[in-house]
């Protein structure tokens, strides 16, 4: 679901009480206003001296192509039969 953050950010930017709530607990503030924030997302609110918001996305390291994945390992160890052993 798309959510327009602009009204919330403007409210926090222009209202002293809302600003204090947002700075103290940005995740809680957003969730209290109906924004679903996944648990793996870290939110930090800071005061800045310019009218620009910065969003930073942290991605995990790329998987090593030479490493066997957990799914592949399960299939190799008998956790998945695939199309083998189809009765005749």
Protein backbone atom coordinates (compact mmCIF):
# COMPACT_ATOMS: atom_id res chain seq x y z
CA UNK A 1 0.00 0.00 0.00
CA UNK A 2 1.36 3.41 -0.93
CA UNK A 3 1.46 6.02 1.78
CA UNK A 4 2.14 9.72 1.38
CA UNK A 5 4.66 10.68 4.08
CA UNK A 6 4.70 14.37 3.13
CA UNK A 7 1.79 15.41 5.41
CA UNK A 8 3.37 13.62 8.40
CA UNK A 9 6.78 15.14 7.75
CA UNK A 10 5.28 18.61 7.35
CA UNK A 11 3.29 18.18 10.57
CA UNK A 12 6.44 17.16 12.45
CA UNK A 13 8.40 19.98 10.82
CA UNK A 14 5.94 22.72 11.78
CA UNK A 15 4.37 21.65 15.10
CA UNK A 16 6.59 21.67 18.22
CA UNK A 17 4.69 18.84 19.95
CA UNK A 18 4.62 16.61 16.88
CA UNK A 19 8.29 17.35 16.22
CA UNK A 20 9.24 16.23 19.73
CA UNK A 21 7.26 12.98 19.33
CA UNK A 22 8.79 12.28 15.92
CA UNK A 23 12.35 12.93 17.07
CA UNK A 24 11.90 10.82 20.23
CA UNK A 25 10.41 7.78 18.47
CA UNK A 26 10.21 8.04 14.68
CA UNK A 27 9.08 4.41 14.21
CA UNK A 28 6.34 4.75 16.80
CA UNK A 29 5.27 8.09 15.34
CA UNK A 30 4.93 6.66 11.83
CA UNK A 31 3.18 3.50 13.03
CA UNK A 32 0.76 5.58 15.15
CA UNK A 33 -0.20 7.36 11.93
CA UNK A 34 -0.83 4.17 9.96
CA UNK A 35 2.55 3.60 8.33
CA UNK A 36 3.56 -0.08 8.34
CA UNK A 37 7.29 -0.15 9.10
CA UNK A 38 8.94 -3.56 8.61
CA UNK A 39 11.01 -4.79 11.55
CA UNK A 40 14.22 -4.89 9.52
CA UNK A 41 13.97 -1.16 8.77
CA UNK A 42 15.83 1.16 11.13
CA UNK A 43 14.48 4.70 11.28
CA UNK A 44 16.44 7.65 12.62
CA UNK A 45 15.09 11.18 12.82
CA UNK A 46 17.46 14.14 13.07
CA UNK A 47 17.08 17.89 12.82
CA UNK A 48 18.78 19.38 9.78
CA UNK A 49 19.41 22.91 8.57
CA UNK A 50 18.06 22.47 5.05
CA UNK A 51 14.60 21.58 3.71
CA UNK A 52 15.64 18.23 2.25
CA UNK A 53 14.98 14.79 3.67
CA UNK A 54 17.52 12.04 3.10
CA UNK A 55 16.57 8.37 2.87
CA UNK A 56 19.32 5.78 3.02
CA UNK A 57 18.74 2.13 2.15
CA UNK A 58 21.19 -0.40 3.53
CA UNK A 59 21.44 -3.61 1.56
CA UNK A 60 23.03 -6.79 2.89
CA UNK A 61 26.19 -8.07 1.20
CA UNK A 62 25.74 -9.91 -2.09
CA UNK A 63 25.68 -13.69 -1.63
CA UNK A 64 28.80 -15.57 -2.65
CA UNK A 65 27.94 -17.42 -5.89
CA UNK A 66 30.27 -20.26 -4.85
CA UNK A 67 28.43 -20.78 -1.56
CA UNK A 68 25.58 -23.30 -1.34
CA UNK A 69 22.32 -21.70 -0.21
CA UNK A 70 20.19 -23.13 2.60
CA UNK A 71 17.51 -24.07 0.04
CA UNK A 72 20.04 -25.93 -2.12
CA UNK A 73 21.48 -27.62 0.95
CA UNK A 74 18.01 -28.82 2.01
CA UNK A 75 17.40 -30.26 -1.46
CA UNK A 76 20.77 -32.02 -1.51
CA UNK A 77 20.26 -33.53 1.95
CA UNK A 78 16.89 -35.06 1.05
CA UNK A 79 14.62 -32.22 2.11
CA UNK A 80 13.15 -32.11 -1.40
CA UNK A 81 12.53 -34.95 -3.78
CA UNK A 82 11.90 -32.82 -6.86
CA UNK A 83 10.71 -35.00 -9.73
CA UNK A 84 12.73 -38.03 -8.66
CA UNK A 85 11.06 -41.31 -7.85
CA UNK A 86 7.80 -40.63 -9.68
CA UNK A 87 5.83 -43.88 -9.52
CA UNK A 88 5.34 -45.66 -12.81
